[in-house]
Amino acid sequence: MPYFDAASAAPLHPVARQALLAALDEGWADPARLYREGRRARLLLDAAREASAEAVGCRPDELAFTPSGTRALHDGIAGALAGRRRAGRHLVVSAVEHSAVLHSGDALEAEGGSVTRVPVDRSGRVDPAGYAAALRPDTALAALQSANHEVGTEQPVAEVAGACREAGVPLLVDAAQSLGWGPVAPGWSLLTASAHKWGGPAGVGLLAVRKGVRFAARGPVDERESGRAPGFPDLPAVVAAAASLRAVRAEAAEEAARLRALVDRIRARVPELVPDVEIVGDPVRRLPHLVTFSCLYVDGETLLHALDREGFSVSSGSSCTSSTLEPSHVLRAMGVLSEGNVRVSLPRGASSEDVEAFLGVLPGVVASVRERLGAPSDAAPSAGGTAEELVLDSLGKRCPIPVIELAKVIGDVPVGGVVTVLSDDEAARLDIPAWCEMRGQEYVGERAAERGVAYRVRRRA
């Protein structure tokens, strides 16, 4: 059964498994102790740190192992903000950062600080000039992911790092999705990553802090990991993480080229096989193994379950797969269609046969879900009724029902007529404009209604 969700967690690399089993026998003692077993454990820890630092591109004494990538982000941001509290309490992030970064920003605002969330274009990429304009004299820290976890778009790290350097602001780069594929562009001040993204074991994060960066660890600390990750380290997992990072980087160039070709096939074939699909993310500046697309008139949760029954494990940023019923903050920031969203992230070793099998199954699965939801056919709208404006009450209905109902009634108004959709579904704010763009209709705008929001659509044809 093909597993296509490596961006969430990559399968354990064989080298990681071998290193983990060996370290369970040799690395169980406390590396801070001076007796024989402790010294042996310390040698393993030092070797893991050197190998990881080489892959990151920093000195070994600049790198600490944390209990997770999320912990690395939280501690890295908190420590950098505390270290530069005299400069100010302003944080700059992109609008599509990992939720761990955004949660740290929320915590800063709750404590009286301020956060600027730099917008992105429809590909999910920040404009370096726009990012530079967000930097202020009181900016203590800037944060930017190297590549997006949902759509794969690579960010202009080098350009942003240059702007931060000119402003005297340290830049934290979240390299969780990209580190296994290659080094991050130079110029960063802090860097974080997570081992389970490249095929290492879960529970190991990396936090690199360049010498000279003002950093003050928050909370109780001890002498371990330069005072940045207190407590006894999971040494076998750390050793396995470092060994697998070295292994995947040695394979990266060849495997990236192979997987990019498979992803290119998916990007090209899905719109041919499935009508009303939007491929999202930058088509060129992107991770080699990841592609995301959204399907009109489809319930994302139902689609994922249907693909799972066919043997394909994929992910989604659709609101209908979330307990909050809100679309992914990444898709929302990009302003793209969120309903029926599918993220395919191929693991190392994914085969051409698996991809062809997925492409063979997808059209039927999407058609089945659309039919079950009563989605309209591809037939053109009728000549139109006589009413110049029609009000469609979709209150209380969730993605993708408001858009399906809009598609069914757009032909009930003449060309130039307006349909007003009343909806209290957050996804409608993205999906109705996206539907208009995909179906050649005019999105007029939105206004507050007595309940929910009124979205106005003018029929063009």
Protein backbone atom coordinates (compact mmCIF):
# COMPACT_ATOMS: atom_id res chain seq x y z
CA MET A 1 0.00 0.00 0.00
CA PRO A 2 1.72 3.25 -1.14
CA TYR A 3 2.47 5.77 1.59
CA PHE A 4 2.40 9.28 0.11
CA ASP A 5 2.71 11.46 3.23
CA ALA A 6 6.46 11.76 3.74
CA ALA A 7 6.13 15.49 4.49
CA SER A 8 4.39 14.54 7.75
CA ALA A 9 6.78 11.75 8.66
CA ALA A 10 9.16 9.88 6.39
CA PRO A 11 9.52 6.12 6.84
CA LEU A 12 12.51 5.14 8.97
CA HIS A 13 15.60 4.98 6.78
CA PRO A 14 17.43 1.60 6.88
CA VAL A 15 20.57 3.34 8.12
CA ALA A 16 18.56 4.90 10.95
CA ARG A 17 17.27 1.49 11.97
CA GLN A 18 20.76 -0.03 12.00
CA ALA A 19 22.24 2.89 13.95
CA LEU A 20 19.37 2.84 16.43
CA LEU A 21 19.76 -0.85 17.20
CA ALA A 22 23.54 -0.52 17.59
CA ALA A 23 23.22 2.54 19.85
CA LEU A 24 20.72 0.76 22.08
CA ASP A 25 23.54 -1.59 23.02
CA GLU A 26 26.37 0.96 23.16
CA GLY A 27 24.72 4.26 24.04
CA TRP A 28 22.48 3.59 27.00
CA ALA A 29 24.67 5.24 29.64
CA ASP A 30 24.73 8.89 30.71
CA PRO A 31 27.19 10.74 28.41
CA ALA A 32 27.86 13.27 31.18
CA ARG A 33 29.51 10.61 33.39
CA LEU A 34 33.25 9.91 33.46
CA TYR A 35 33.27 6.13 33.81
CA ARG A 36 33.79 3.77 30.85
CA GLU A 37 30.15 3.40 29.79
CA GLY A 38 29.61 7.16 30.06
CA ARG A 39 32.70 7.90 27.97
CA ARG A 40 31.51 5.47 25.31
CA ALA A 41 28.13 7.20 25.22
CA ARG A 42 29.84 10.58 25.03
CA LEU A 43 31.85 9.50 22.01
CA LEU A 44 28.62 8.50 20.25
CA LEU A 45 26.97 11.82 21.12
CA ASP A 46 29.97 13.85 19.94
CA ALA A 47 30.12 11.90 16.68
CA ALA A 48 26.40 12.46 16.09
CA ARG A 49 26.79 16.17 16.75
CA GLU A 50 29.72 16.49 14.35
CA ALA A 51 27.89 14.64 11.58
CA SER A 52 24.74 16.73 12.05
CA ALA A 53 26.69 19.99 12.20
CA GLU A 54 28.43 19.11 8.94
CA ALA A 55 25.06 18.60 7.24
CA VAL A 56 23.66 21.82 8.71
CA GLY A 57 26.76 23.84 7.90
CA CYS A 58 27.68 25.00 11.38
CA ARG A 59 30.19 24.27 14.13
CA PRO A 60 29.46 21.30 16.41
CA ASP A 61 29.36 23.55 19.47
CA GLU A 62 26.65 25.65 17.77
CA LEU A 63 24.24 22.71 17.49
CA ALA A 64 21.98 21.25 20.18
CA PHE A 65 19.65 18.24 20.05
CA THR A 66 16.10 18.89 21.25
CA PRO A 67 13.15 16.55 21.92
CA SER A 68 11.43 17.59 18.65
CA GLY A 69 11.46 20.07 15.80
CA THR A 70 8.56 21.91 17.40
CA ARG A 71 10.54 22.22 20.63
CA ALA A 72 13.50 23.52 18.64
CA LEU A 73 11.31 26.22 17.09
CA HIS A 74 9.71 27.24 20.36
CA ASP A 75 13.02 27.35 22.22
CA GLY A 76 14.89 28.98 19.36
CA ILE A 77 12.37 31.80 19.00
CA ALA A 78 11.97 32.32 22.75
CA GLY A 79 15.73 32.29 23.35
CA ALA A 80 16.48 34.72 20.52
CA LEU A 81 13.72 37.11 21.60
CA ALA A 82 14.94 37.02 25.20
CA GLY A 83 18.54 37.53 24.15
CA ARG A 84 17.60 40.62 22.15
CA ARG A 85 14.96 42.07 24.44
CA ARG A 86 16.83 45.39 24.57
CA ALA A 87 16.47 45.71 20.79
CA GLY A 88 12.71 45.33 20.98
CA ARG A 89 9.84 42.87 21.10
CA HIS A 90 8.91 42.69 17.46
CA LEU A 91 8.91 39.43 15.49
CA VAL A 92 8.65 39.10 11.69
CA VAL A 93 7.39 35.84 10.17
CA SER A 94 5.84 34.77 6.88
CA ALA A 95 2.12 34.06 6.83
CA VAL A 96 2.76 30.43 5.83
CA GLU A 97 5.18 29.39 8.58
CA HIS A 98 4.67 26.15 10.49
CA SER A 99 2.05 26.47 13.22
CA ALA A 100 4.78 26.17 15.87
CA VAL A 101 6.21 29.50 14.67
CA LEU A 102 2.80 31.13 14.54
CA HIS A 103 1.98 29.88 18.03
CA SER A 104 5.21 31.42 19.31
CA GLY A 105 4.11 34.68 17.70
CA ASP A 106 0.73 34.44 19.43
CA ALA A 107 2.51 33.93 22.76
CA LEU A 108 4.67 37.01 22.14
CA GLU A 109 1.61 39.13 21.38
CA ALA A 110 -0.10 37.85 24.53
CA GLU A 111 2.90 39.12 26.49
CA GLY A 112 2.70 42.59 24.93
CA GLY A 113 5.04 42.12 21.96
CA SER A 114 4.13 42.54 18.30
CA VAL A 115 4.27 40.31 15.23
CA THR A 116 4.28 41.17 11.52
CA ARG A 117 3.06 38.34 9.29
CA VAL A 118 4.44 38.95 5.82
CA PRO A 119 1.97 37.94 3.07
CA VAL A 120 2.78 35.54 0.23
CA ASP A 121 1.71 35.34 -3.40
CA ARG A 122 -0.55 32.64 -4.84
CA SER A 123 2.45 30.32 -5.13
CA GLY A 124 3.12 30.63 -1.39
CA ARG A 125 6.35 32.64 -1.77
CA VAL A 126 7.25 35.83 0.09
CA ASP A 127 8.54 38.85 -1.79
CA PRO A 128 12.04 39.60 -0.42
CA ALA A 129 11.41 43.34 -0.74
CA GLY A 130 8.14 43.02 1.15
CA TYR A 131 9.84 40.98 3.85
CA ALA A 132 12.63 43.56 4.14
CA ALA A 133 10.03 46.33 4.48
CA ALA A 134 8.57 44.56 7.53
CA LEU A 135 11.86 44.83 9.46
CA ARG A 136 11.86 47.68 12.00
CA PRO A 137 14.35 49.20 14.43
CA ASP A 138 12.65 47.26 17.25
CA THR A 139 12.65 43.92 15.38
CA ALA A 140 14.30 41.35 17.62
CA LEU A 141 14.00 38.33 15.31
CA ALA A 142 12.84 37.28 11.87
CA ALA A 143 11.75 33.75 10.93
CA LEU A 144 11.37 32.12 7.52
CA GLN A 145 10.96 28.49 6.51
CA SER A 146 13.29 27.17 3.83
CA ALA A 147 10.41 25.36 2.10
CA ASN A 148 6.72 25.12 2.85
CA HIS A 149 5.41 21.97 4.48
CA GLU A 150 2.03 21.96 2.70
CA VAL A 151 2.71 23.07 -0.88
CA GLY A 152 6.49 22.60 -1.19
CA THR A 153 7.31 26.16 -2.28
CA GLU A 154 10.90 27.15 -1.56
CA GLN A 155 11.43 30.55 0.04
CA PRO A 156 14.07 33.13 -0.99
CA VAL A 157 16.19 32.51 2.10
CA ALA A 158 19.38 34.06 0.71
CA GLU A 159 17.69 37.33 -0.26
CA VAL A 160 15.82 37.60 3.04
CA ALA A 161 18.99 36.76 4.98
CA GLY A 162 20.76 39.62 3.19
CA ALA A 163 18.01 42.05 4.14
CA CYS A 164 18.12 40.87 7.75
CA ARG A 165 21.89 41.24 7.84
CA GLU A 166 21.64 44.84 6.61
CA ALA A 167 19.02 45.58 9.28
CA GLY A 168 21.05 43.88 12.01
CA VAL A 169 18.28 41.34 12.70
CA PRO A 170 19.01 37.62 13.24
CA LEU A 171 17.14 35.24 10.94
CA LEU A 172 15.80 31.89 12.13
CA VAL A 173 15.27 29.37 9.33
CA ASP A 174 12.94 26.40 9.80
CA ALA A 175 14.63 23.79 7.60
CA ALA A 176 12.50 20.83 8.67
CA GLN A 177 11.25 20.02 5.17
CA SER A 178 14.41 20.75 3.20
CA LEU A 179 17.44 19.72 5.27
CA GLY A 180 17.38 16.13 4.05
CA TRP A 181 17.57 17.37 0.46
CA GLY A 182 20.53 19.70 0.83
CA PRO A 183 22.12 22.58 2.76
CA VAL A 184 20.23 25.78 3.50
CA ALA A 185 21.35 28.99 1.79
CA PRO A 186 23.92 30.86 3.90
CA GLY A 187 23.22 33.92 6.01
CA TRP A 188 20.98 32.44 8.70
CA SER A 189 21.57 33.03 12.42
CA LEU A 190 19.47 30.20 13.86
CA LEU A 191 18.26 27.00 12.21
CA THR A 192 15.86 24.26 13.28
CA ALA A 193 14.99 20.85 11.86
CA SER A 194 13.25 17.59 12.78
CA ALA A 195 14.66 14.10 12.23
CA HIS A 196 11.42 12.33 11.36
CA LYS A 197 11.10 14.51 8.25
CA TRP A 198 14.20 12.97 6.62
CA GLY A 199 13.78 9.36 7.77
CA GLY A 200 15.25 9.54 11.26
CA PRO A 201 13.34 8.56 14.39
CA ALA A 202 10.69 10.82 15.87
CA GLY A 203 11.62 12.72 19.00
CA VAL A 204 14.83 14.37 17.78
CA GLY A 205 15.07 18.01 16.75
CA LEU A 206 18.02 20.22 15.84
CA LEU A 207 18.62 23.76 17.05
CA ALA A 208 21.66 25.58 15.68
CA VAL A 209 22.60 29.01 17.05
CA ARG A 210 25.52 30.81 15.42
CA LYS A 211 28.27 32.13 17.63
CA GLY A 212 27.71 35.81 18.32
CA VAL A 213 23.90 35.59 18.23
CA ARG A 214 22.43 36.90 21.46
CA PHE A 215 20.51 34.01 22.97
CA ALA A 216 19.05 33.49 26.44
CA ALA A 217 17.45 30.11 27.08
CA ARG A 218 14.02 30.35 28.69
CA GLY A 219 12.95 28.28 31.67
CA PRO A 220 15.07 26.09 33.95
CA VAL A 221 18.27 24.87 32.30
CA ASP A 222 21.10 22.49 33.12
CA GLU A 223 24.55 21.81 31.77
CA ARG A 224 23.39 19.61 28.89
CA GLU A 225 23.23 20.73 25.24
CA SER A 226 24.75 24.13 25.99
CA GLY A 227 21.88 24.81 28.37
CA ARG A 228 19.35 24.75 25.52
CA ALA A 229 17.78 21.31 25.95
CA PRO A 230 17.84 20.15 29.56
CA GLY A 231 17.53 16.51 30.56
CA PHE A 232 18.97 13.16 29.63
CA PRO A 233 19.18 12.89 25.80
CA ASP A 234 17.63 10.01 23.89
CA LEU A 235 21.09 9.04 22.70
CA PRO A 236 20.15 6.05 20.50
CA ALA A 237 17.60 8.21 18.66
CA VAL A 238 20.12 11.05 18.31
CA VAL A 239 22.70 8.66 16.83
CA ALA A 240 20.12 7.24 14.42
CA ALA A 241 19.01 10.76 13.40
CA ALA A 242 22.58 11.82 12.60
CA ALA A 243 23.39 8.62 10.72
CA SER A 244 20.25 8.82 8.60
CA LEU A 245 20.81 12.52 7.83
CA ARG A 246 24.24 11.73 6.47
CA ALA A 247 22.81 8.82 4.46
CA VAL A 248 19.92 10.71 2.89
CA ARG A 249 22.16 13.64 1.99
CA ALA A 250 24.50 11.24 0.17
CA GLU A 251 21.51 9.97 -1.84
CA ALA A 252 19.78 13.34 -2.22
CA ALA A 253 20.85 14.48 -5.69
CA GLU A 254 19.94 11.23 -7.45
CA GLU A 255 16.74 10.64 -5.50
CA ALA A 256 15.59 14.26 -5.88
CA ALA A 257 15.91 14.03 -9.67
CA ARG A 258 13.96 10.75 -9.73
CA LEU A 259 11.15 11.98 -7.47
CA ARG A 260 10.92 15.34 -9.23
CA ALA A 261 10.18 13.50 -12.46
CA LEU A 262 7.39 11.55 -10.73
CA VAL A 263 5.95 14.72 -9.21
CA ASP A 264 6.09 16.46 -12.59
CA ARG A 265 4.02 13.58 -13.95
CA ILE A 266 1.41 14.07 -11.23
CA ARG A 267 1.34 17.85 -11.79
CA ALA A 268 0.78 17.37 -15.51
CA ARG A 269 -1.64 14.43 -15.43
CA VAL A 270 -4.03 15.33 -12.60
CA PRO A 271 -5.59 18.34 -14.43
CA GLU A 272 -5.95 16.17 -17.54
CA LEU A 273 -7.63 13.34 -15.66
CA VAL A 274 -9.79 15.29 -13.20
CA PRO A 275 -11.82 18.37 -14.25
CA ASP A 276 -11.89 21.50 -12.07
CA VAL A 277 -8.58 20.97 -10.28
CA GLU A 278 -6.13 23.63 -9.12
CA ILE A 279 -2.45 22.70 -8.69
CA VAL A 280 -1.05 24.91 -5.92
CA GLY A 281 2.50 25.89 -5.02
CA ASP A 282 5.38 27.21 -7.09
CA PRO A 283 5.79 25.07 -10.23
CA VAL A 284 9.60 25.45 -10.31
CA ARG A 285 11.01 26.60 -6.96
CA ARG A 286 9.72 23.71 -4.89
CA LEU A 287 10.70 20.59 -3.02
CA PRO A 288 11.32 17.63 -5.34
CA HIS A 289 8.94 15.17 -3.71
CA LEU A 290 5.79 17.16 -2.96
CA VAL A 291 2.75 18.26 -4.95
CA THR A 292 -0.54 19.69 -3.72
CA PHE A 293 -3.81 20.12 -5.61
CA SER A 294 -7.40 21.01 -4.78
CA CYS A 295 -10.57 19.62 -6.37
CA LEU A 296 -13.79 21.60 -6.74
CA TYR A 297 -17.01 20.14 -5.34
CA VAL A 298 -15.21 17.63 -3.12
CA ASP A 299 -15.29 17.03 0.62
CA GLY A 300 -11.64 16.70 1.61
CA GLU A 301 -12.21 14.25 4.44
CA THR A 302 -14.35 11.99 2.31
CA LEU A 303 -11.76 12.13 -0.47
CA LEU A 304 -8.92 11.15 1.87
CA HIS A 305 -10.91 8.25 3.30
CA ALA A 306 -11.79 7.07 -0.21
CA LEU A 307 -8.14 7.18 -1.28
CA ASP A 308 -7.17 5.34 1.89
CA ARG A 309 -9.62 2.57 1.04
CA GLU A 310 -7.87 2.31 -2.33
CA GLY A 311 -4.56 1.92 -0.51
CA PHE A 312 -3.11 5.45 -0.81
CA SER A 313 -2.10 7.46 2.27
CA VAL A 314 -2.16 11.20 1.53
CA SER A 315 -2.65 14.39 3.52
CA SER A 316 -4.87 17.46 3.17
CA GLY A 317 -5.19 21.10 4.19
CA SER A 318 -8.95 21.18 3.60
CA SER A 319 -11.13 22.64 6.31
CA CYS A 320 -13.33 19.56 6.26
CA THR A 321 -10.42 17.44 7.51
CA SER A 322 -9.86 19.77 10.48
CA SER A 323 -11.66 19.75 13.80
CA THR A 324 -11.70 23.59 13.66
CA LEU A 325 -13.57 23.59 10.31
CA GLU A 326 -11.16 26.29 9.12
CA PRO A 327 -9.01 25.87 6.04
CA SER A 328 -5.26 25.50 6.36
CA HIS A 329 -3.60 28.80 7.24
CA VAL A 330 -1.19 28.17 4.36
CA LEU A 331 -3.95 27.85 1.74
CA ARG A 332 -5.76 30.81 3.29
CA ALA A 333 -2.65 33.00 3.08
CA MET A 334 -2.13 31.97 -0.56
CA GLY A 335 -5.76 32.69 -1.43
CA VAL A 336 -6.19 29.40 -3.31
CA LEU A 337 -8.95 26.81 -3.42
CA SER A 338 -9.07 24.81 -0.20
CA GLU A 339 -11.84 22.29 -0.78
CA GLY A 340 -10.84 18.80 -1.81
CA ASN A 341 -7.20 19.54 -1.05
CA VAL A 342 -4.72 16.68 -1.46
CA ARG A 343 -1.02 16.76 -0.58
CA VAL A 344 1.08 14.01 -2.12
CA SER A 345 4.60 13.80 -0.68
CA LEU A 346 6.55 10.87 -2.04
CA PRO A 347 8.95 9.00 0.25
CA ARG A 348 12.38 7.96 -0.93
CA GLY A 349 12.04 4.83 -3.01
CA ALA A 350 8.52 5.61 -4.27
CA SER A 351 8.05 3.85 -7.58
CA SER A 352 6.70 4.90 -10.94
CA GLU A 353 4.21 2.03 -10.69
CA ASP A 354 2.81 3.44 -7.44
CA VAL A 355 2.36 6.87 -9.02
CA GLU A 356 0.64 5.39 -12.07
CA ALA A 357 -1.66 3.38 -9.80
CA PHE A 358 -2.55 6.59 -7.91
CA LEU A 359 -3.30 8.42 -11.17
CA GLY A 360 -5.42 5.51 -12.25
CA VAL A 361 -7.52 5.53 -9.09
CA LEU A 362 -7.88 9.29 -8.53
CA PRO A 363 -10.38 10.21 -11.29
CA GLY A 364 -12.88 7.58 -10.23
CA VAL A 365 -12.55 8.47 -6.56
CA VAL A 366 -13.11 12.18 -7.19
CA ALA A 367 -16.06 11.49 -9.50
CA SER A 368 -17.62 9.21 -6.90
CA VAL A 369 -17.31 11.81 -4.13
CA ARG A 370 -18.73 14.53 -6.39
CA GLU A 371 -21.67 12.36 -7.36
CA ARG A 372 -22.37 11.53 -3.73
CA LEU A 373 -22.41 15.26 -2.86
CA GLY A 374 -24.65 16.15 -5.79
CA ALA A 375 -22.07 18.26 -7.60
CA PRO A 376 -23.12 19.79 -10.93
CA SER A 377 -22.06 18.31 -14.26
CA ASP A 378 -19.76 20.10 -16.70
CA ALA A 379 -22.69 21.27 -18.77
CA ALA A 380 -22.71 25.01 -19.53
CA PRO A 381 -25.16 27.24 -17.58
CA SER A 382 -28.55 27.85 -19.13
CA ALA A 383 -29.44 31.12 -20.82
CA GLY A 384 -30.51 32.40 -17.44
CA GLY A 385 -33.65 33.47 -15.66
CA THR A 386 -35.14 36.93 -15.41
CA ALA A 387 -34.12 37.81 -11.85
CA GLU A 388 -31.13 40.17 -11.83
CA GLU A 389 -30.10 39.02 -8.35
CA LEU A 390 -30.59 35.80 -6.49
CA VAL A 391 -29.85 35.16 -2.79
CA LEU A 392 -28.59 31.68 -1.93
CA ASP A 393 -28.86 30.71 1.75
CA SER A 394 -26.02 28.29 2.54
CA LEU A 395 -25.85 29.09 6.24
CA GLY A 396 -24.92 26.10 8.37
CA LYS A 397 -23.55 24.17 5.40
CA ARG A 398 -19.89 23.22 5.20
CA CYS A 399 -17.31 22.89 2.46
CA PRO A 400 -17.91 22.10 -0.37
CA ILE A 401 -21.73 22.48 -0.25
CA PRO A 402 -21.87 26.32 -0.61
CA VAL A 403 -19.82 26.17 -3.82
CA ILE A 404 -21.83 23.23 -5.18
CA GLU A 405 -25.07 25.14 -4.59
CA LEU A 406 -23.59 28.26 -6.22
CA ALA A 407 -22.63 26.25 -9.30
CA LYS A 408 -26.17 24.88 -9.56
CA VAL A 409 -27.92 28.27 -9.43
CA ILE A 410 -25.53 30.51 -11.39
CA GLY A 411 -27.58 29.73 -14.52
CA ASP A 412 -30.74 31.04 -12.83
CA VAL A 413 -29.64 34.64 -13.35
CA PRO A 414 -28.97 36.28 -16.75
CA VAL A 415 -25.48 37.23 -17.88
CA GLY A 416 -24.59 40.25 -15.74
CA GLY A 417 -26.87 39.10 -12.93
CA VAL A 418 -25.61 38.52 -9.39
CA VAL A 419 -25.84 35.58 -7.02
CA THR A 420 -25.31 36.42 -3.34
CA VAL A 421 -24.21 33.45 -1.27
CA LEU A 422 -24.85 33.62 2.47
CA SER A 423 -22.37 31.38 4.29
CA ASP A 424 -20.88 31.01 7.75
CA ASP A 425 -18.24 28.52 6.57
CA GLU A 426 -14.69 29.95 6.78
CA ALA A 427 -13.65 27.97 3.72
CA ALA A 428 -16.14 29.90 1.58
CA ARG A 429 -13.91 32.98 1.80
CA LEU A 430 -11.31 31.07 -0.24
CA ASP A 431 -13.42 28.69 -2.25
CA ILE A 432 -15.98 31.07 -3.77
CA PRO A 433 -13.36 33.44 -5.30
CA ALA A 434 -11.36 30.39 -6.44
CA TRP A 435 -14.50 28.89 -8.04
CA CYS A 436 -15.10 32.16 -9.89
CA GLU A 437 -11.58 32.18 -11.29
CA MET A 438 -11.77 28.54 -12.34
CA ARG A 439 -15.25 28.84 -13.91
CA GLY A 440 -14.85 32.23 -15.59
CA GLN A 441 -17.27 34.13 -13.34
CA GLU A 442 -16.71 37.51 -11.63
CA TYR A 443 -16.19 37.64 -7.89
CA VAL A 444 -17.64 41.00 -6.80
CA GLY A 445 -16.67 40.86 -3.12
CA GLU A 446 -18.01 40.17 0.33
CA ARG A 447 -19.84 42.04 3.05
CA ALA A 448 -20.97 41.25 6.56
CA ALA A 449 -24.47 39.85 6.84
CA GLU A 450 -26.80 39.45 9.79
CA ARG A 451 -25.49 35.92 10.01
CA GLY A 452 -22.27 34.89 8.36
CA VAL A 453 -20.94 36.65 5.27
CA ALA A 454 -22.56 37.59 1.96
CA TYR A 455 -20.39 36.67 -1.05
CA ARG A 456 -21.41 38.28 -4.36
CA VAL A 457 -20.80 36.63 -7.72
CA ARG A 458 -21.66 38.17 -11.11
CA ARG A 459 -22.37 35.83 -14.01
CA ARG A 460 -20.14 36.50 -17.02
CA ALA A 461 -21.28 33.74 -19.33
